[in-house]
């Protein structure tokens, strides 16, 4: 998520906030959770991208995700 977030940077995320396109969200992919930018919502599917396009693993590689993959919305970035 460079340049928006740095490696090991702390963030505050909450499951109560409804994300919208442009929001940073925490999504579950298998056993891990990753922070990505919500690009688009269609029906029950979401498309997420990283802010560092050339280095990001995102929906361009793994495709659309279920809306249930969102576990939280980032509400406050804070440096570690």
PDB file of N, CA and C in Angstrom:
ATOM      1  N   UNK A   1       0.810  -1.205   0.000  1.00  0.00           N
ATOM      2  CA  UNK A   1       0.000   0.000   0.000  1.00  0.00           C
ATOM      3  C   UNK A   1       0.849   1.262   0.000  1.00  0.00           C
ATOM      4  N   UNK A   2       2.148   1.126  -0.318  1.00  0.00           N
ATOM      5  CA  UNK A   2       2.971   2.318  -0.495  1.00  0.00           C
ATOM      6  C   UNK A   2       2.386   3.169  -1.612  1.00  0.00           C
ATOM      7  N   UNK A   3       2.364   4.415  -1.555  1.00  0.00           N
ATOM      8  CA  UNK A   3       2.939   5.287  -0.538  1.00  0.00           C
ATOM      9  C   UNK A   3       1.980   5.618   0.601  1.00  0.00           C
ATOM     10  N   UNK A   4       0.742   5.162   0.528  1.00  0.00           N
ATOM     11  CA  UNK A   4      -0.244   5.504   1.561  1.00  0.00           C
ATOM     12  C   UNK A   4       0.128   4.930   2.921  1.00  0.00           C
ATOM     13  N   UNK A   5       0.472   3.654   2.956  1.00  0.00           N
ATOM     14  CA  UNK A   5       0.869   2.987   4.192  1.00  0.00           C
ATOM     15  C   UNK A   5       2.264   2.407   4.015  1.00  0.00           C
ATOM     16  N   UNK A   6       3.038   2.453   5.074  1.00  0.00           N
ATOM     17  CA  UNK A   6       4.389   1.899   5.069  1.00  0.00           C
ATOM     18  C   UNK A   6       4.352   0.500   5.698  1.00  0.00           C
ATOM     19  N   UNK A   7       5.341  -0.343   5.394  1.00  0.00           N
ATOM     20  CA  UNK A   7       5.402  -1.647   6.054  1.00  0.00           C
ATOM     21  C   UNK A   7       5.436  -1.485   7.574  1.00  0.00           C
ATOM     22  N   UNK A   8       4.681  -2.311   8.267  1.00  0.00           N
ATOM     23  CA  UNK A   8       4.613  -2.321   9.731  1.00  0.00           C
ATOM     24  C   UNK A   8       3.883  -1.122  10.324  1.00  0.00           C
ATOM     25  N   UNK A   9       3.275  -0.268   9.498  1.00  0.00           N
ATOM     26  CA  UNK A   9       2.542   0.882  10.018  1.00  0.00           C
ATOM     27  C   UNK A   9       1.257   0.405  10.673  1.00  0.00           C
ATOM     28  N   UNK A  10       0.956   0.964  11.829  1.00  0.00           N
ATOM     29  CA  UNK A  10      -0.272   0.612  12.537  1.00  0.00           C
ATOM     30  C   UNK A  10      -1.458   1.332  11.919  1.00  0.00           C
ATOM     31  N   UNK A  11      -2.595   0.657  11.864  1.00  0.00           N
ATOM     32  CA  UNK A  11      -3.835   1.265  11.404  1.00  0.00           C
ATOM     33  C   UNK A  11      -4.944   0.904  12.379  1.00  0.00           C
ATOM     34  N   UNK A  12      -5.946   1.736  12.421  1.00  0.00           N
ATOM     35  CA  UNK A  12      -7.140   1.455  13.203  1.00  0.00           C
ATOM     36  C   UNK A  12      -8.234   1.113  12.207  1.00  0.00           C
ATOM     37  N   UNK A  13      -8.812  -0.059  12.372  1.00  0.00           N
ATOM     38  CA  UNK A  13      -9.860  -0.506  11.450  1.00  0.00           C
ATOM     39  C   UNK A  13     -11.065  -0.953  12.258  1.00  0.00           C
ATOM     40  N   UNK A  14     -12.230  -0.728  11.709  1.00  0.00           N
ATOM     41  CA  UNK A  14     -13.473  -1.031  12.416  1.00  0.00           C
ATOM     42  C   UNK A  14     -14.444  -1.733  11.479  1.00  0.00           C
ATOM     43  N   UNK A  15     -15.120  -2.731  11.986  1.00  0.00           N
ATOM     44  CA  UNK A  15     -16.090  -3.474  11.188  1.00  0.00           C
ATOM     45  C   UNK A  15     -17.450  -2.818  11.107  1.00  0.00           C
ATOM     46  N   UNK A  16     -17.666  -1.718  11.832  1.00  0.00           N
ATOM     47  CA  UNK A  16     -18.978  -1.079  11.857  1.00  0.00           C
ATOM     48  C   UNK A  16     -19.180  -0.056  10.751  1.00  0.00           C
ATOM     49  N   UNK A  17     -18.089   0.433  10.152  1.00  0.00           N
ATOM     50  CA  UNK A  17     -18.198   1.453   9.127  1.00  0.00           C
ATOM     51  C   UNK A  17     -18.440   0.814   7.772  1.00  0.00           C
ATOM     52  N   UNK A  18     -19.362   1.377   7.025  1.00  0.00           N
ATOM     53  CA  UNK A  18     -19.691   0.864   5.706  1.00  0.00           C
ATOM     54  C   UNK A  18     -18.704   1.431   4.682  1.00  0.00           C
ATOM     55  N   UNK A  19     -17.940   0.564   4.032  1.00  0.00           N
ATOM     56  CA  UNK A  19     -16.954   1.067   3.069  1.00  0.00           C
ATOM     57  C   UNK A  19     -17.614   1.553   1.785  1.00  0.00           C
ATOM     58  N   UNK A  20     -16.930   2.434   1.088  1.00  0.00           N
ATOM     59  CA  UNK A  20     -17.381   2.945  -0.197  1.00  0.00           C
ATOM     60  C   UNK A  20     -16.170   2.958  -1.123  1.00  0.00           C
ATOM     61  N   UNK A  21     -16.375   3.034  -2.428  1.00  0.00           N
ATOM     62  CA  UNK A  21     -15.218   3.093  -3.327  1.00  0.00           C
ATOM     63  C   UNK A  21     -14.262   4.207  -2.916  1.00  0.00           C
ATOM     64  N   UNK A  22     -12.994   3.869  -2.847  1.00  0.00           N
ATOM     65  CA  UNK A  22     -11.967   4.793  -2.387  1.00  0.00           C
ATOM     66  C   UNK A  22     -11.512   4.511  -0.968  1.00  0.00           C
ATOM     67  N   UNK A  23     -12.323   3.774  -0.202  1.00  0.00           N
ATOM     68  CA  UNK A  23     -11.959   3.437   1.177  1.00  0.00           C
ATOM     69  C   UNK A  23     -10.825   2.425   1.214  1.00  0.00           C
ATOM     70  N   UNK A  24     -10.016   2.516   2.273  1.00  0.00           N
ATOM     71  CA  UNK A  24      -9.073   1.443   2.563  1.00  0.00           C
ATOM     72  C   UNK A  24      -9.817   0.401   3.371  1.00  0.00           C
ATOM     73  N   UNK A  25      -9.691  -0.855   2.973  1.00  0.00           N
ATOM     74  CA  UNK A  25     -10.395  -1.930   3.646  1.00  0.00           C
ATOM     75  C   UNK A  25      -9.430  -3.063   3.980  1.00  0.00           C
ATOM     76  N   UNK A  26      -9.785  -3.818   5.002  1.00  0.00           N
ATOM     77  CA  UNK A  26      -9.071  -5.042   5.343  1.00  0.00           C
ATOM     78  C   UNK A  26      -9.880  -6.177   4.739  1.00  0.00           C
ATOM     79  N   UNK A  27      -9.227  -6.983   3.904  1.00  0.00           N
ATOM     80  CA  UNK A  27      -9.909  -8.118   3.274  1.00  0.00           C
ATOM     81  C   UNK A  27      -9.196  -9.410   3.638  1.00  0.00           C
ATOM     82  N   UNK A  28      -9.980 -10.459   3.791  1.00  0.00           N
ATOM     83  CA  UNK A  28      -9.432 -11.784   4.088  1.00  0.00           C
ATOM     84  C   UNK A  28      -9.273 -12.545   2.788  1.00  0.00           C
ATOM     85  N   UNK A  29      -8.058 -13.059   2.585  1.00  0.00           N
ATOM     86  CA  UNK A  29      -7.758 -13.940   1.450  1.00  0.00           C
ATOM     87  C   UNK A  29      -7.134 -15.189   2.022  1.00  0.00           C
ATOM     88  N   UNK A  30      -7.924 -16.233   2.117  1.00  0.00           N
ATOM     89  CA  UNK A  30      -7.426 -17.471   2.724  1.00  0.00           C
ATOM     90  C   UNK A  30      -7.149 -17.263   4.198  1.00  0.00           C
ATOM     91  N   UNK A  31      -5.913 -17.490   4.593  1.00  0.00           N
ATOM     92  CA  UNK A  31      -5.521 -17.398   6.003  1.00  0.00           C
ATOM     93  C   UNK A  31      -5.015 -16.020   6.428  1.00  0.00           C
ATOM     94  N   UNK A  32      -4.889 -15.089   5.482  1.00  0.00           N
ATOM     95  CA  UNK A  32      -4.316 -13.787   5.826  1.00  0.00           C
ATOM     96  C   UNK A  32      -5.312 -12.659   5.598  1.00  0.00           C
ATOM     97  N   UNK A  33      -5.060 -11.540   6.257  1.00  0.00           N
ATOM     98  CA  UNK A  33      -5.818 -10.320   6.019  1.00  0.00           C
ATOM     99  C   UNK A  33      -4.860  -9.291   5.436  1.00  0.00           C
ATOM    100  N   UNK A  34      -5.314  -8.568   4.419  1.00  0.00           N
ATOM    101  CA  UNK A  34      -4.494  -7.568   3.749  1.00  0.00           C
ATOM    102  C   UNK A  34      -5.277  -6.265   3.637  1.00  0.00           C
ATOM    103  N   UNK A  35      -4.550  -5.151   3.560  1.00  0.00           N
ATOM    104  CA  UNK A  35      -5.177  -3.839   3.388  1.00  0.00           C
ATOM    105  C   UNK A  35      -5.104  -3.468   1.914  1.00  0.00           C
ATOM    106  N   UNK A  36      -6.246  -3.115   1.345  1.00  0.00           N
ATOM    107  CA  UNK A  36      -6.333  -2.714  -0.057  1.00  0.00           C
ATOM    108  C   UNK A  36      -7.315  -1.566  -0.185  1.00  0.00           C
ATOM    109  N   UNK A  37      -7.297  -0.899  -1.327  1.00  0.00           N
ATOM    110  CA  UNK A  37      -8.249   0.168  -1.605  1.00  0.00           C
ATOM    111  C   UNK A  37      -9.444  -0.422  -2.350  1.00  0.00           C
ATOM    112  N   UNK A  38     -10.642  -0.142  -1.861  1.00  0.00           N
ATOM    113  CA  UNK A  38     -11.858  -0.614  -2.511  1.00  0.00           C
ATOM    114  C   UNK A  38     -12.083   0.213  -3.767  1.00  0.00           C
ATOM    115  N   UNK A  39     -11.982  -0.420  -4.898  1.00  0.00           N
ATOM    116  CA  UNK A  39     -12.094   0.277  -6.176  1.00  0.00           C
ATOM    117  C   UNK A  39     -13.535   0.295  -6.673  1.00  0.00           C
ATOM    118  N   UNK A  40     -14.211  -0.868  -6.577  1.00  0.00           N
ATOM    119  CA  UNK A  40     -15.553  -0.967  -7.154  1.00  0.00           C
ATOM    120  C   UNK A  40     -16.374  -2.022  -6.422  1.00  0.00           C
ATOM    121  N   UNK A  41     -17.682  -1.773  -6.346  1.00  0.00           N
ATOM    122  CA  UNK A  41     -18.628  -2.725  -5.772  1.00  0.00           C
ATOM    123  C   UNK A  41     -19.696  -2.999  -6.819  1.00  0.00           C
ATOM    124  N   UNK A  42     -19.903  -4.273  -7.138  1.00  0.00           N
ATOM    125  CA  UNK A  42     -20.967  -4.679  -8.063  1.00  0.00           C
ATOM    126  C   UNK A  42     -21.724  -5.832  -7.437  1.00  0.00           C
ATOM    127  N   UNK A  43     -22.997  -5.635  -7.188  1.00  0.00           N
ATOM    128  CA  UNK A  43     -23.822  -6.657  -6.538  1.00  0.00           C
ATOM    129  C   UNK A  43     -23.149  -7.076  -5.229  1.00  0.00           C
ATOM    130  N   UNK A  44     -22.793  -8.347  -5.083  1.00  0.00           N
ATOM    131  CA  UNK A  44     -22.138  -8.828  -3.866  1.00  0.00           C
ATOM    132  C   UNK A  44     -20.656  -9.066  -4.060  1.00  0.00           C
ATOM    133  N   UNK A  45     -20.062  -8.425  -5.047  1.00  0.00           N
ATOM    134  CA  UNK A  45     -18.640  -8.602  -5.351  1.00  0.00           C
ATOM    135  C   UNK A  45     -17.900  -7.276  -5.200  1.00  0.00           C
ATOM    136  N   UNK A  46     -16.621  -7.365  -4.828  1.00  0.00           N
ATOM    137  CA  UNK A  46     -15.777  -6.176  -4.694  1.00  0.00           C
ATOM    138  C   UNK A  46     -14.502  -6.352  -5.510  1.00  0.00           C
ATOM    139  N   UNK A  47     -13.968  -5.230  -5.973  1.00  0.00           N
ATOM    140  CA  UNK A  47     -12.704  -5.190  -6.697  1.00  0.00           C
ATOM    141  C   UNK A  47     -11.782  -4.291  -5.902  1.00  0.00           C
ATOM    142  N   UNK A  48     -10.642  -4.829  -5.472  1.00  0.00           N
ATOM    143  CA  UNK A  48      -9.707  -4.069  -4.645  1.00  0.00           C
ATOM    144  C   UNK A  48      -8.375  -3.918  -5.359  1.00  0.00           C
ATOM    145  N   UNK A  49      -7.706  -2.792  -5.085  1.00  0.00           N
ATOM    146  CA  UNK A  49      -6.391  -2.545  -5.676  1.00  0.00           C
ATOM    147  C   UNK A  49      -5.442  -2.050  -4.600  1.00  0.00           C
ATOM    148  N   UNK A  50      -4.160  -2.168  -4.900  1.00  0.00           N
ATOM    149  CA  UNK A  50      -3.137  -1.584  -4.043  1.00  0.00           C
ATOM    150  C   UNK A  50      -2.766  -0.217  -4.583  1.00  0.00           C
ATOM    151  N   UNK A  51      -2.208   0.624  -3.731  1.00  0.00           N
ATOM    152  CA  UNK A  51      -1.828   1.971  -4.165  1.00  0.00           C
ATOM    153  C   UNK A  51      -0.515   1.980  -4.943  1.00  0.00           C
ATOM    154  N   UNK A  52       0.266   0.918  -4.846  1.00  0.00           N
ATOM    155  CA  UNK A  52       1.524   0.805  -5.571  1.00  0.00           C
ATOM    156  C   UNK A  52       1.306  -0.216  -6.693  1.00  0.00           C
ATOM    157  N   UNK A  53       0.705   0.242  -7.784  1.00  0.00           N
ATOM    158  CA  UNK A  53       0.264  -0.635  -8.850  1.00  0.00           C
ATOM    159  C   UNK A  53       1.293  -1.609  -9.382  1.00  0.00           C
ATOM    160  N   UNK A  54       2.550  -1.192  -9.538  1.00  0.00           N
ATOM    161  CA  UNK A  54       3.554  -2.082 -10.111  1.00  0.00           C
ATOM    162  C   UNK A  54       4.003  -3.173  -9.144  1.00  0.00           C
ATOM    163  N   UNK A  55       3.770  -3.000  -7.847  1.00  0.00           N
ATOM    164  CA  UNK A  55       4.219  -3.959  -6.842  1.00  0.00           C
ATOM    165  C   UNK A  55       3.064  -4.630  -6.096  1.00  0.00           C
ATOM    166  N   UNK A  56       1.842  -4.323  -6.449  1.00  0.00           N
ATOM    167  CA  UNK A  56       0.687  -4.774  -5.683  1.00  0.00           C
ATOM    168  C   UNK A  56       0.131  -6.101  -6.185  1.00  0.00           C
ATOM    169  N   UNK A  57      -0.274  -6.928  -5.238  1.00  0.00           N
ATOM    170  CA  UNK A  57      -1.068  -8.110  -5.555  1.00  0.00           C
ATOM    171  C   UNK A  57      -2.492  -7.763  -5.167  1.00  0.00           C
ATOM    172  N   UNK A  58      -3.381  -7.723  -6.152  1.00  0.00           N
ATOM    173  CA  UNK A  58      -4.735  -7.262  -5.892  1.00  0.00           C
ATOM    174  C   UNK A  58      -5.711  -7.937  -6.849  1.00  0.00           C
ATOM    175  N   UNK A  59      -6.892  -7.380  -7.001  1.00  0.00           N
ATOM    176  CA  UNK A  59      -7.922  -7.996  -7.846  1.00  0.00           C
ATOM    177  C   UNK A  59      -7.508  -8.121  -9.302  1.00  0.00           C
ATOM    178  N   UNK A  60      -6.500  -7.369  -9.723  1.00  0.00           N
ATOM    179  CA  UNK A  60      -5.999  -7.548 -11.080  1.00  0.00           C
ATOM    180  C   UNK A  60      -5.394  -8.940 -11.246  1.00  0.00           C
ATOM    181  N   UNK A  61      -4.856  -9.511 -10.149  1.00  0.00           N
ATOM    182  CA  UNK A  61      -4.305 -10.854 -10.182  1.00  0.00           C
ATOM    183  C   UNK A  61      -5.301 -11.923  -9.743  1.00  0.00           C
ATOM    184  N   UNK A  62      -6.010 -11.679  -8.622  1.00  0.00           N
ATOM    185  CA  UNK A  62      -6.859 -12.729  -8.070  1.00  0.00           C
ATOM    186  C   UNK A  62      -8.349 -12.530  -8.341  1.00  0.00           C
ATOM    187  N   UNK A  63      -8.718 -11.485  -9.041  1.00  0.00           N
ATOM    188  CA  UNK A  63     -10.112 -11.292  -9.450  1.00  0.00           C
ATOM    189  C   UNK A  63     -11.000 -10.681  -8.374  1.00  0.00           C
ATOM    190  N   UNK A  64     -12.282 -10.648  -8.683  1.00  0.00           N
ATOM    191  CA  UNK A  64     -13.290 -10.088  -7.778  1.00  0.00           C
ATOM    192  C   UNK A  64     -13.409 -10.965  -6.539  1.00  0.00           C
ATOM    193  N   UNK A  65     -13.703 -10.339  -5.403  1.00  0.00           N
ATOM    194  CA  UNK A  65     -13.903 -11.041  -4.147  1.00  0.00           C
ATOM    195  C   UNK A  65     -15.357 -10.903  -3.706  1.00  0.00           C
ATOM    196  N   UNK A  66     -15.775 -11.806  -2.864  1.00  0.00           N
ATOM    197  CA  UNK A  66     -17.087 -11.703  -2.245  1.00  0.00           C
ATOM    198  C   UNK A  66     -17.090 -10.505  -1.300  1.00  0.00           C
ATOM    199  N   UNK A  67     -18.210  -9.846  -1.199  1.00  0.00           N
ATOM    200  CA  UNK A  67     -18.325  -8.695  -0.287  1.00  0.00           C
ATOM    201  C   UNK A  67     -18.026  -9.099   1.163  1.00  0.00           C
ATOM    202  N   UNK A  68     -18.286 -10.358   1.495  1.00  0.00           N
ATOM    203  CA  UNK A  68     -18.005 -10.854   2.845  1.00  0.00           C
ATOM    204  C   UNK A  68     -16.513 -10.931   3.143  1.00  0.00           C
ATOM    205  N   UNK A  69     -15.659 -10.782   2.119  1.00  0.00           N
ATOM    206  CA  UNK A  69     -14.209 -10.797   2.335  1.00  0.00           C
ATOM    207  C   UNK A  69     -13.752  -9.571   3.115  1.00  0.00           C
ATOM    208  N   UNK A  70     -14.548  -8.494   3.094  1.00  0.00           N
ATOM    209  CA  UNK A  70     -14.192  -7.291   3.859  1.00  0.00           C
ATOM    210  C   UNK A  70     -14.427  -7.578   5.338  1.00  0.00           C
ATOM    211  N   UNK A  71     -13.362  -7.458   6.130  1.00  0.00           N
ATOM    212  CA  UNK A  71     -13.508  -7.671   7.568  1.00  0.00           C
ATOM    213  C   UNK A  71     -13.573  -6.353   8.338  1.00  0.00           C
ATOM    214  N   UNK A  72     -13.034  -5.266   7.744  1.00  0.00           N
ATOM    215  CA  UNK A  72     -13.056  -3.970   8.427  1.00  0.00           C
ATOM    216  C   UNK A  72     -12.707  -2.858   7.440  1.00  0.00           C
ATOM    217  N   UNK A  73     -13.028  -1.638   7.845  1.00  0.00           N
ATOM    218  CA  UNK A  73     -12.661  -0.448   7.097  1.00  0.00           C
ATOM    219  C   UNK A  73     -11.610   0.308   7.902  1.00  0.00           C
ATOM    220  N   UNK A  74     -10.529   0.708   7.244  1.00  0.00           N
ATOM    221  CA  UNK A  74      -9.472   1.464   7.924  1.00  0.00           C
ATOM    222  C   UNK A  74     -10.007   2.870   8.189  1.00  0.00           C
ATOM    223  N   UNK A  75      -9.930   3.294   9.451  1.00  0.00           N
ATOM    224  CA  UNK A  75     -10.448   4.620   9.796  1.00  0.00           C
ATOM    225  C   UNK A  75      -9.362   5.575  10.261  1.00  0.00           C
ATOM    226  N   UNK A  76      -8.159   5.052  10.539  1.00  0.00           N
ATOM    227  CA  UNK A  76      -7.086   5.936  10.977  1.00  0.00           C
ATOM    228  C   UNK A  76      -5.736   5.314  10.775  1.00  0.00           C
ATOM    229  N   UNK A  77      -4.914   5.856   9.872  1.00  0.00           N
ATOM    230  CA  UNK A  77      -3.535   5.364   9.790  1.00  0.00           C
ATOM    231  C   UNK A  77      -2.666   6.055  10.836  1.00  0.00           C
ATOM    232  N   UNK A  78      -1.710   5.305  11.357  1.00  0.00           N
ATOM    233  CA  UNK A  78      -0.785   5.852  12.349  1.00  0.00           C
ATOM    234  C   UNK A  78       0.561   5.165  12.164  1.00  0.00           C
ATOM    235  N   UNK A  79       1.622   5.937  12.150  1.00  0.00           N
ATOM    236  CA  UNK A  79       2.951   5.349  11.984  1.00  0.00           C
ATOM    237  C   UNK A  79       3.316   4.514  13.196  1.00  0.00           C
ATOM    238  N   UNK A  80       4.036   3.413  12.936  1.00  0.00           N
ATOM    239  CA  UNK A  80       4.476   2.526  14.019  1.00  0.00           C
ATOM    240  C   UNK A  80       5.612   3.158  14.796  1.00  0.00           C
TER     241      UNK A  80
END
